[in-house]
N, C-alpha and C. Protein backbone atom coordinates (compact mmCIF):
# COMPACT_ATOMS: atom_id res chain seq x y z
N MET A 1 200.84 44.94 322.30
CA MET A 1 200.79 45.88 321.02
C MET A 1 200.81 46.97 321.75
N LYS A 2 201.98 47.96 320.81
CA LYS A 2 201.87 49.39 321.26
C LYS A 2 200.91 49.95 321.45
N LYS A 3 201.30 50.95 323.00
CA LYS A 3 200.07 51.70 322.82
C LYS A 3 199.66 53.04 321.79
N ILE A 4 198.76 53.30 321.89
CA ILE A 4 198.62 54.64 320.65
C ILE A 4 197.39 55.50 321.71
N PHE A 5 198.03 56.78 321.27
CA PHE A 5 197.93 57.97 322.29
C PHE A 5 197.06 58.89 321.45
N LEU A 6 196.19 59.38 322.29
CA LEU A 6 194.93 60.36 321.26
C LEU A 6 195.35 61.92 321.45
N LEU A 7 195.85 62.65 321.38
CA LEU A 7 196.28 64.04 321.47
C LEU A 7 195.58 65.10 320.72
N PHE A 8 194.88 65.94 321.44
CA PHE A 8 194.09 66.91 320.48
C PHE A 8 194.72 68.03 321.31
N LEU A 9 193.70 68.79 321.15
CA LEU A 9 194.12 70.45 321.61
C LEU A 9 194.66 70.33 323.00
N THR A 10 193.29 70.04 323.89
CA THR A 10 193.74 69.77 325.06
C THR A 10 194.03 68.17 325.22
N THR A 11 194.53 67.27 326.20
CA THR A 11 194.57 65.67 325.89
C THR A 11 194.42 65.28 327.08
N SER A 12 194.05 63.90 326.93
CA SER A 12 193.39 62.97 327.63
C SER A 12 194.85 62.37 328.44
N ALA A 13 194.59 61.29 328.65
CA ALA A 13 196.08 60.93 329.72
C ALA A 13 197.07 59.96 328.69
N LEU A 14 197.77 59.85 329.28
CA LEU A 14 199.16 58.96 328.89
C LEU A 14 199.10 57.46 329.41
N HIS A 15 198.39 57.22 329.92
CA HIS A 15 198.09 56.08 330.79
C HIS A 15 196.86 55.41 331.14
N ALA A 16 196.29 54.27 331.38
CA ALA A 16 195.06 54.30 332.27
C ALA A 16 195.34 53.91 333.73
N THR A 17 194.80 54.42 334.96
CA THR A 17 195.24 54.18 336.10
C THR A 17 193.49 53.77 336.66
N ASP A 18 193.81 53.83 337.96
CA ASP A 18 192.20 53.46 338.85
C ASP A 18 191.87 55.11 338.95
N LYS A 19 193.27 56.13 339.12
CA LYS A 19 192.30 57.42 339.60
C LYS A 19 191.89 58.06 337.97
N PRO A 20 190.63 58.91 338.15
CA PRO A 20 190.76 59.82 336.97
C PRO A 20 191.86 59.93 336.00
N TRP A 21 190.89 60.14 334.46
CA TRP A 21 192.29 60.48 333.19
C TRP A 21 192.34 61.82 333.82
N PRO A 22 194.22 61.95 333.72
CA PRO A 22 194.47 63.63 333.52
C PRO A 22 194.30 64.33 332.39
N VAL A 23 193.74 65.18 332.10
CA VAL A 23 193.65 66.31 331.38
C VAL A 23 194.44 67.56 331.45
N PHE A 24 195.40 67.51 330.58
CA PHE A 24 196.45 68.61 330.48
C PHE A 24 197.00 69.14 329.38
N ALA A 25 197.43 70.50 329.45
CA ALA A 25 197.31 71.50 328.72
C ALA A 25 198.45 71.14 327.34
N PHE A 26 197.71 71.83 326.11
CA PHE A 26 198.89 71.18 325.35
C PHE A 26 199.77 72.24 324.94
N GLN A 27 201.48 72.39 325.19
CA GLN A 27 202.29 73.36 325.38
C GLN A 27 202.22 74.52 324.12
N ASN A 28 201.59 73.60 323.03
CA ASN A 28 201.25 74.88 321.48
C ASN A 28 200.11 75.97 322.14
N GLY A 29 199.08 75.80 323.28
CA GLY A 29 198.74 76.18 323.76
C GLY A 29 198.75 77.55 324.83
N VAL A 30 200.20 77.35 325.28
CA VAL A 30 200.37 77.96 326.57
C VAL A 30 201.58 78.64 326.18
N HIS A 31 201.42 79.78 325.51
CA HIS A 31 203.04 80.43 324.41
C HIS A 31 203.03 82.05 325.42
N PHE A 32 203.01 82.35 326.55
CA PHE A 32 202.90 83.49 327.29
C PHE A 32 203.57 83.41 328.56
N GLY A 33 203.96 84.26 328.87
CA GLY A 33 205.01 84.10 330.13
C GLY A 33 205.72 84.07 330.72
N LYS A 34 206.57 83.40 331.61
CA LYS A 34 207.19 82.48 332.25
C LYS A 34 206.77 81.49 332.66
N VAL A 35 208.12 80.44 333.01
CA VAL A 35 207.21 79.01 333.24
C VAL A 35 206.39 79.16 334.58
N GLU A 36 206.68 79.84 335.78
CA GLU A 36 205.91 80.33 336.69
C GLU A 36 204.60 80.78 336.95
N GLN A 37 204.74 81.64 335.64
CA GLN A 37 203.11 82.26 335.34
C GLN A 37 202.36 81.45 334.70
N ARG A 38 203.05 80.11 333.91
CA ARG A 38 202.23 79.12 333.01
C ARG A 38 201.91 78.59 334.08
N ILE A 39 202.71 78.12 334.99
CA ILE A 39 201.87 77.00 336.40
C ILE A 39 200.97 77.54 336.96
N ALA A 40 200.74 78.73 336.89
CA ALA A 40 199.83 79.69 337.94
C ALA A 40 199.09 79.24 337.80
N VAL A 41 198.43 79.54 335.95
CA VAL A 41 197.49 79.83 335.23
C VAL A 41 196.66 78.13 335.03
N LEU A 42 197.84 76.79 334.75
CA LEU A 42 197.21 75.56 334.39
C LEU A 42 196.83 75.35 335.90
N LYS A 43 197.14 75.79 336.81
CA LYS A 43 196.83 75.33 337.97
C LYS A 43 195.62 75.89 338.69
N GLU A 44 195.09 77.11 338.14
CA GLU A 44 194.20 77.82 338.54
C GLU A 44 192.95 77.52 337.54
N LEU A 45 193.23 76.85 336.25
CA LEU A 45 192.19 76.25 335.63
C LEU A 45 192.27 75.23 335.60
N GLY A 46 192.91 74.59 336.64
CA GLY A 46 192.10 73.20 337.22
C GLY A 46 193.00 71.62 336.28
N TYR A 47 194.18 72.30 335.24
CA TYR A 47 194.80 71.33 334.54
C TYR A 47 195.90 70.26 335.39
N ASP A 48 196.00 69.36 335.16
CA ASP A 48 196.56 68.36 335.87
C ASP A 48 198.73 68.62 335.26
N GLY A 49 198.60 69.09 334.88
CA GLY A 49 199.71 69.32 334.21
C GLY A 49 200.18 69.87 332.64
N ILE A 50 200.74 69.59 331.96
CA ILE A 50 201.46 69.98 330.35
C ILE A 50 201.79 68.73 329.78
N GLY A 51 201.36 68.96 328.53
CA GLY A 51 201.93 68.08 327.35
C GLY A 51 202.71 68.63 326.38
N SER A 52 203.32 67.92 325.46
CA SER A 52 204.42 68.73 324.26
C SER A 52 204.99 69.70 324.77
N ALA A 53 205.66 69.60 326.07
CA ALA A 53 206.28 70.54 326.58
C ALA A 53 207.70 70.86 325.31
N ASN A 54 208.12 71.75 325.55
CA ASN A 54 209.80 71.88 324.74
C ASN A 54 210.62 71.38 326.12
N LEU A 55 212.06 71.04 325.87
CA LEU A 55 212.81 71.16 326.28
C LEU A 55 213.55 72.46 326.89
N GLY A 56 213.58 73.12 325.91
CA GLY A 56 214.33 74.70 326.51
C GLY A 56 213.08 75.60 326.96
N ALA A 57 213.44 76.09 327.92
CA ALA A 57 212.41 77.29 328.64
C ALA A 57 213.30 78.25 329.67
N ASP A 58 212.32 79.01 330.15
CA ASP A 58 213.42 80.24 330.77
C ASP A 58 213.87 79.44 332.02
N LEU A 59 213.54 78.16 332.66
CA LEU A 59 214.11 77.48 333.61
C LEU A 59 214.66 76.65 333.12
N PRO A 60 216.09 76.13 333.64
CA PRO A 60 216.26 74.92 333.33
C PRO A 60 215.82 73.50 333.72
N LEU A 61 215.75 72.50 333.37
CA LEU A 61 214.84 71.56 333.52
C LEU A 61 214.67 71.01 335.12
N PRO A 62 215.90 70.91 335.52
CA PRO A 62 215.52 70.47 336.98
C PRO A 62 214.58 71.54 337.91
N ALA A 63 214.82 72.83 337.74
CA ALA A 63 214.54 73.84 338.43
C ALA A 63 213.08 73.68 337.88
N ARG A 64 212.92 73.34 336.75
CA ARG A 64 211.47 73.07 336.20
C ARG A 64 210.26 72.29 337.06
N LEU A 65 211.03 71.46 336.65
CA LEU A 65 210.47 69.95 336.96
C LEU A 65 210.04 70.13 338.48
N LYS A 66 210.93 70.63 339.08
CA LYS A 66 210.57 71.32 340.84
C LYS A 66 209.26 71.85 340.84
N ALA A 67 209.31 72.78 340.02
CA ALA A 67 208.13 74.12 339.77
C ALA A 67 207.27 73.43 339.78
N TYR A 68 207.36 72.25 338.30
CA TYR A 68 205.47 71.77 338.49
C TYR A 68 205.52 70.61 339.68
N ASP A 69 206.82 69.91 340.06
CA ASP A 69 206.42 69.10 341.04
C ASP A 69 205.86 70.10 342.53
N GLU A 70 206.52 71.21 342.51
CA GLU A 70 205.49 71.64 343.63
C GLU A 70 204.08 72.26 343.62
N ALA A 71 204.01 72.67 342.25
CA ALA A 71 202.29 72.72 342.17
C ALA A 71 201.91 72.10 342.39
N GLY A 72 201.86 70.69 342.41
CA GLY A 72 201.10 69.39 342.11
C GLY A 72 200.84 69.08 340.57
N LEU A 73 201.69 69.44 339.85
CA LEU A 73 201.33 69.67 338.41
C LEU A 73 202.27 68.67 337.48
N GLU A 74 202.04 67.57 336.62
CA GLU A 74 202.56 67.08 335.90
C GLU A 74 203.34 67.29 334.75
N LEU A 75 204.55 67.34 334.36
CA LEU A 75 205.15 67.38 333.18
C LEU A 75 205.10 65.69 332.32
N TYR A 76 203.85 65.61 331.32
CA TYR A 76 203.27 64.34 331.09
C TYR A 76 204.15 64.38 329.76
N SER A 77 204.51 65.03 329.31
CA SER A 77 205.61 64.61 327.72
C SER A 77 206.24 65.91 327.26
N PHE A 78 207.55 65.47 326.75
CA PHE A 78 208.03 66.51 325.97
C PHE A 78 207.99 66.04 324.67
N TYR A 79 208.08 66.98 323.79
CA TYR A 79 207.81 67.10 322.34
C TYR A 79 209.61 66.82 321.38
N VAL A 80 210.04 66.03 321.28
CA VAL A 80 211.48 65.89 320.69
C VAL A 80 212.04 65.20 319.77
N GLY A 81 212.88 65.49 318.65
CA GLY A 81 212.89 64.92 317.91
C GLY A 81 214.09 65.36 317.11
N GLY A 82 214.51 64.62 316.02
CA GLY A 82 215.63 64.85 314.88
C GLY A 82 215.21 64.55 312.93
N ARG A 83 216.30 64.59 312.63
CA ARG A 83 216.54 65.08 311.45
C ARG A 83 217.46 63.87 310.44
N LEU A 84 216.75 63.17 309.88
CA LEU A 84 217.45 62.32 308.75
C LEU A 84 218.38 63.01 307.67
N GLY A 85 219.31 62.03 307.35
CA GLY A 85 220.41 62.93 306.60
C GLY A 85 220.79 61.85 305.30
N ALA A 86 221.32 62.15 304.92
CA ALA A 86 222.41 61.30 303.21
C ALA A 86 223.17 60.52 304.30
N LYS A 87 223.63 60.87 305.40
CA LYS A 87 224.42 60.24 306.62
C LYS A 87 224.45 59.96 307.94
N GLY A 88 223.60 59.59 307.78
CA GLY A 88 222.26 59.10 309.45
C GLY A 88 221.57 60.12 309.69
N HIS A 89 221.54 60.35 311.19
CA HIS A 89 220.74 61.50 311.78
C HIS A 89 221.60 62.19 312.82
N THR A 90 220.78 63.70 312.98
CA THR A 90 220.91 64.51 314.20
C THR A 90 219.99 64.55 314.92
N TYR A 91 220.23 65.14 316.36
CA TYR A 91 219.26 65.60 317.30
C TYR A 91 219.86 66.59 318.05
N ASN A 92 219.13 67.00 318.71
CA ASN A 92 219.55 68.26 319.96
C ASN A 92 220.14 67.38 320.88
N PRO A 93 221.43 67.37 321.33
CA PRO A 93 221.72 66.74 322.40
C PRO A 93 221.07 67.04 324.19
N ALA A 94 220.55 68.09 323.76
CA ALA A 94 219.60 68.40 325.33
C ALA A 94 218.73 67.22 325.39
N ILE A 95 218.37 66.44 324.17
CA ILE A 95 217.35 65.69 324.66
C ILE A 95 217.76 64.09 325.57
N VAL A 96 219.28 63.55 325.22
CA VAL A 96 219.89 62.85 325.92
C VAL A 96 220.43 64.01 327.26
N ALA A 97 220.51 65.01 326.88
CA ALA A 97 221.02 65.26 328.52
C ALA A 97 219.48 65.68 329.65
N ALA A 98 218.85 65.34 328.92
CA ALA A 98 217.10 65.68 330.10
C ALA A 98 216.64 64.03 330.46
N LEU A 99 217.66 63.04 329.99
CA LEU A 99 216.95 61.62 330.77
C LEU A 99 217.23 61.22 331.98
N PRO A 100 218.63 61.86 332.38
CA PRO A 100 218.66 61.33 333.75
C PRO A 100 217.49 62.24 334.86
N HIS A 101 217.23 63.64 334.11
CA HIS A 101 215.92 64.37 334.98
C HIS A 101 214.66 63.71 334.99
N LEU A 102 214.41 62.63 334.24
CA LEU A 102 213.28 62.37 333.73
C LEU A 102 212.95 60.70 334.43
N LYS A 103 213.88 60.31 334.89
CA LYS A 103 214.06 58.75 335.44
C LYS A 103 213.14 59.02 337.06
N GLY A 104 212.25 57.93 336.80
CA GLY A 104 211.21 57.75 337.67
C GLY A 104 209.77 58.54 337.43
N ARG A 105 210.11 59.05 336.84
CA ARG A 105 209.33 60.05 336.21
C ARG A 105 208.16 59.16 335.61
N ASP A 106 206.34 59.37 335.28
CA ASP A 106 205.95 58.97 334.27
C ASP A 106 205.94 59.90 333.46
N THR A 107 206.96 59.87 332.10
CA THR A 107 207.38 60.98 331.52
C THR A 107 207.65 60.69 330.09
N TYR A 108 206.48 61.00 328.94
CA TYR A 108 207.41 60.31 328.13
C TYR A 108 207.64 61.27 326.51
N LEU A 109 208.77 60.70 326.33
CA LEU A 109 209.40 61.60 325.17
C LEU A 109 208.71 61.38 323.47
N GLU A 110 207.75 62.45 322.97
CA GLU A 110 207.07 62.63 321.90
C GLU A 110 208.21 62.60 320.93
N LEU A 111 208.45 61.74 319.96
CA LEU A 111 209.80 61.76 319.13
C LEU A 111 209.41 61.88 318.01
N PHE A 112 209.49 62.82 316.45
CA PHE A 112 208.81 63.01 315.74
C PHE A 112 210.68 62.92 314.54
N VAL A 113 210.27 62.26 313.83
CA VAL A 113 211.56 62.03 312.68
C VAL A 113 211.09 63.26 311.54
N GLN A 114 211.85 63.63 311.46
CA GLN A 114 211.98 64.53 310.34
C GLN A 114 213.06 64.08 308.91
N GLY A 115 212.44 63.93 307.63
CA GLY A 115 213.08 63.64 306.48
C GLY A 115 212.51 63.88 305.18
N ASN A 116 212.81 63.14 304.60
CA ASN A 116 212.41 63.33 303.08
C ASN A 116 212.60 61.51 302.29
N LYS A 117 211.02 61.53 302.28
CA LYS A 117 210.35 60.29 302.20
C LYS A 117 210.93 59.33 300.79
N ARG A 118 211.49 60.58 300.27
CA ARG A 118 212.06 59.75 298.76
C ARG A 118 213.22 59.38 299.00
N THR A 119 213.98 60.28 299.55
CA THR A 119 215.53 60.01 299.44
C THR A 119 216.10 59.67 301.12
N ASN A 120 215.16 59.55 302.13
CA ASN A 120 215.44 58.74 303.52
C ASN A 120 214.86 57.20 303.46
N THR A 121 215.17 56.45 304.34
CA THR A 121 214.43 55.25 303.93
C THR A 121 214.31 54.82 305.84
N ASP A 122 213.41 53.63 305.92
CA ASP A 122 212.91 53.41 307.02
C ASP A 122 214.18 52.77 308.32
N GLU A 123 215.34 52.29 307.10
CA GLU A 123 216.59 52.00 308.04
C GLU A 123 217.12 53.13 308.96
N GLN A 124 217.39 54.16 308.42
CA GLN A 124 217.58 55.10 308.64
C GLN A 124 216.17 55.57 309.81
N ALA A 125 215.49 55.62 310.08
CA ALA A 125 214.16 55.89 310.75
C ALA A 125 214.78 54.71 311.94
N VAL A 126 214.54 53.90 311.80
CA VAL A 126 214.49 52.55 312.79
C VAL A 126 216.11 53.21 313.53
N ALA A 127 216.84 53.35 312.67
CA ALA A 127 218.24 53.60 313.49
C ALA A 127 218.56 54.78 314.64
N PHE A 128 217.95 55.78 313.96
CA PHE A 128 217.19 57.00 314.74
C PHE A 128 216.65 56.51 316.17
N VAL A 129 215.50 56.23 315.67
CA VAL A 129 214.36 55.67 317.07
C VAL A 129 215.35 54.55 318.05
N GLN A 130 215.98 53.70 317.57
CA GLN A 130 216.71 53.17 318.65
C GLN A 130 217.49 53.23 319.25
N GLU A 131 218.27 54.79 318.89
CA GLU A 131 219.47 55.13 319.29
C GLU A 131 218.80 55.93 320.54
N ILE A 132 217.48 56.77 320.13
CA ILE A 132 216.81 57.59 321.24
C ILE A 132 216.41 56.45 322.29
N ALA A 133 216.03 55.48 321.94
CA ALA A 133 214.81 54.75 322.72
C ALA A 133 215.96 53.84 324.04
N ASP A 134 217.48 53.15 323.36
CA ASP A 134 218.40 52.49 323.87
C ASP A 134 218.43 53.29 324.87
N LYS A 135 219.19 54.58 324.50
CA LYS A 135 219.36 55.89 325.73
C LYS A 135 218.59 56.20 326.68
N ALA A 136 217.25 56.41 326.35
CA ALA A 136 216.39 56.42 327.02
C ALA A 136 215.87 55.13 327.97
N LYS A 137 215.76 54.44 327.40
CA LYS A 137 215.86 52.93 328.48
C LYS A 137 216.29 52.67 329.26
N ALA A 138 217.68 53.46 329.24
CA ALA A 138 218.62 53.57 330.66
C ALA A 138 218.13 54.12 331.78
N HIS A 139 217.29 54.75 331.35
CA HIS A 139 216.73 55.72 332.56
C HIS A 139 215.37 55.88 333.04
N GLY A 140 214.59 54.56 332.08
CA GLY A 140 213.54 54.22 332.50
C GLY A 140 212.28 54.97 331.66
N VAL A 141 212.70 55.71 330.79
CA VAL A 141 212.17 56.47 330.11
C VAL A 141 210.87 56.01 328.79
N LYS A 142 209.94 56.05 328.36
CA LYS A 142 209.39 55.68 327.27
C LYS A 142 209.27 56.60 325.91
N ILE A 143 208.95 56.15 324.75
CA ILE A 143 209.16 56.96 323.72
C ILE A 143 207.99 56.68 322.65
N VAL A 144 207.56 57.74 322.49
CA VAL A 144 206.36 57.63 321.48
C VAL A 144 206.35 58.16 320.11
N LEU A 145 206.44 57.32 318.84
CA LEU A 145 206.60 58.32 317.92
C LEU A 145 205.77 59.26 317.38
N TYR A 146 205.56 60.34 317.03
CA TYR A 146 204.97 61.43 316.63
C TYR A 146 204.61 61.63 315.26
N PRO A 147 203.80 61.46 314.69
CA PRO A 147 203.54 61.75 313.26
C PRO A 147 202.97 62.82 313.22
N HIS A 148 203.73 63.64 312.13
CA HIS A 148 203.95 65.15 312.10
C HIS A 148 203.59 65.25 310.85
N THR A 149 203.07 66.40 310.08
CA THR A 149 202.32 66.68 308.86
C THR A 149 203.77 67.21 307.95
N GLY A 150 204.16 66.34 307.20
CA GLY A 150 205.82 66.79 306.26
C GLY A 150 206.57 66.31 306.71
N PHE A 151 206.94 65.26 307.96
CA PHE A 151 208.04 64.68 308.40
C PHE A 151 208.22 63.33 307.86
N TYR A 152 209.46 63.03 307.72
CA TYR A 152 209.41 61.62 307.80
C TYR A 152 208.79 60.24 308.22
N ILE A 153 208.37 60.58 309.64
CA ILE A 153 206.63 60.33 310.09
C ILE A 153 205.47 60.72 309.61
N ASP A 154 204.78 60.54 308.80
CA ASP A 154 203.82 61.78 309.01
C ASP A 154 202.30 61.05 309.76
N ARG A 155 202.49 60.10 308.96
CA ARG A 155 201.13 58.87 309.01
C ARG A 155 201.28 58.15 310.01
N LEU A 156 199.90 57.99 310.80
CA LEU A 156 200.17 56.99 312.09
C LEU A 156 200.62 55.50 311.76
N SER A 157 200.24 54.86 310.23
CA SER A 157 200.84 53.90 310.01
C SER A 157 202.40 53.62 309.42
N ASP A 158 202.59 55.14 309.34
CA ASP A 158 204.46 55.00 309.20
C ASP A 158 204.97 55.10 310.54
N ALA A 159 204.39 55.83 312.07
CA ALA A 159 204.59 55.60 313.13
C ALA A 159 204.71 54.38 313.64
N VAL A 160 203.47 52.98 313.52
CA VAL A 160 203.17 51.56 314.03
C VAL A 160 204.17 51.09 313.23
N ARG A 161 204.75 51.25 311.83
CA ARG A 161 206.03 50.26 311.20
C ARG A 161 207.01 50.67 311.32
N ILE A 162 207.51 51.84 311.93
CA ILE A 162 209.03 52.08 312.45
C ILE A 162 209.19 51.59 314.03
N ALA A 163 207.94 51.45 314.74
CA ALA A 163 207.76 51.45 316.05
C ALA A 163 208.02 49.92 315.90
N ARG A 164 207.29 49.14 315.07
CA ARG A 164 207.43 47.64 314.97
C ARG A 164 208.81 47.51 314.66
N LYS A 165 209.53 47.60 313.58
CA LYS A 165 210.86 47.58 312.74
C LYS A 165 211.77 47.80 314.01
N ALA A 166 211.67 48.83 314.62
CA ALA A 166 212.62 49.49 315.92
C ALA A 166 213.06 48.18 316.89
N LYS A 167 211.59 47.43 317.13
CA LYS A 167 211.63 46.16 318.18
C LYS A 167 212.16 46.63 319.51
N ARG A 168 211.56 47.54 320.31
CA ARG A 168 212.16 48.43 321.75
C ARG A 168 211.02 48.39 322.07
N ASP A 169 211.27 47.80 323.48
CA ASP A 169 209.89 47.62 324.45
C ASP A 169 209.36 49.32 325.04
N ASN A 170 210.10 50.09 324.96
CA ASN A 170 209.64 51.21 325.35
C ASN A 170 209.66 52.72 324.28
N VAL A 171 209.27 51.74 323.28
CA VAL A 171 208.49 52.66 321.77
C VAL A 171 206.65 52.02 321.46
N GLY A 172 206.65 52.91 321.33
CA GLY A 172 204.85 53.20 321.23
C GLY A 172 204.74 54.27 320.34
N VAL A 173 202.93 54.72 319.56
CA VAL A 173 203.15 55.48 318.94
C VAL A 173 202.01 56.43 319.68
N MET A 174 201.51 57.52 318.96
CA MET A 174 200.77 58.43 319.46
C MET A 174 199.97 58.96 318.16
N PHE A 175 198.89 59.56 318.48
CA PHE A 175 198.04 59.55 317.47
C PHE A 175 197.37 61.45 317.67
N ASN A 176 198.14 62.18 316.82
CA ASN A 176 197.34 63.59 317.09
C ASN A 176 196.40 64.03 315.36
N LEU A 177 195.29 64.05 315.87
CA LEU A 177 194.10 64.44 314.96
C LEU A 177 194.56 65.18 314.34
N CYS A 178 194.93 66.71 314.48
CA CYS A 178 195.35 67.86 313.64
C CYS A 178 196.26 67.18 312.44
N HIS A 179 197.36 66.46 312.79
CA HIS A 179 198.14 66.24 311.55
C HIS A 179 197.48 64.77 310.86
N PHE A 180 196.76 64.34 311.26
CA PHE A 180 195.90 62.98 310.46
C PHE A 180 194.83 63.72 309.52
N LEU A 181 194.06 64.20 310.20
CA LEU A 181 193.31 65.01 309.02
C LEU A 181 193.97 65.69 307.96
N ARG A 182 195.27 66.28 308.07
CA ARG A 182 195.93 66.98 307.32
C ARG A 182 196.44 65.79 306.44
N VAL A 183 197.27 65.09 307.20
CA VAL A 183 197.47 63.44 305.85
C VAL A 183 196.51 62.84 304.99
N GLU A 184 195.56 62.85 306.07
CA GLU A 184 194.81 61.46 305.64
C GLU A 184 193.37 61.51 305.78
N PRO A 185 193.30 63.12 305.11
CA PRO A 185 191.77 63.56 305.52
C PRO A 185 190.50 62.34 305.02
N LYS A 186 190.57 61.85 303.80
CA LYS A 186 189.86 61.19 303.51
C LYS A 186 189.63 59.52 304.18
N THR A 187 190.68 59.28 305.15
CA THR A 187 190.94 58.05 305.74
C THR A 187 189.22 58.11 306.69
N ASN A 188 189.06 56.33 306.65
CA ASN A 188 188.03 56.16 307.24
C ASN A 188 187.91 55.88 308.97
């Protein structure tokens, strides 16, 4: 069964181990200063790292990973995605460029899928997810589908359905309470 991850304002672990579960900040809550300043604050506050990070920053990815490593912090996940269109899908090439730098790390890609539920199809979403998953697998990187309000995948059930249809062992789903409550407020 695919792993389901819980993501709140501050997030629990992306995987269970014998060690205590890490506590890391959600990137959306860390919008100040430069990377080094954010790292210093995260360290001072006792966080284990950061999740839902953006690929773009004031430091190139290799230097940013090194800075987190030197501080003893982790970059747990990156928030990335693409858009479904009438003739396929598009996404930022920085996603693929980041993959070699993530090899050997326990860093996930939180993959959002934008699109229109009336004009796009599951087949288009599956093709996009498979393309990213295949490129990621070559570097040992795992993908979790991120249900986001207003996107093609906006419900947890959408993410599970697309993950199953993608049939890739490095694809799972995650859960974000904020988006869940906006899309499915009366769900038990």
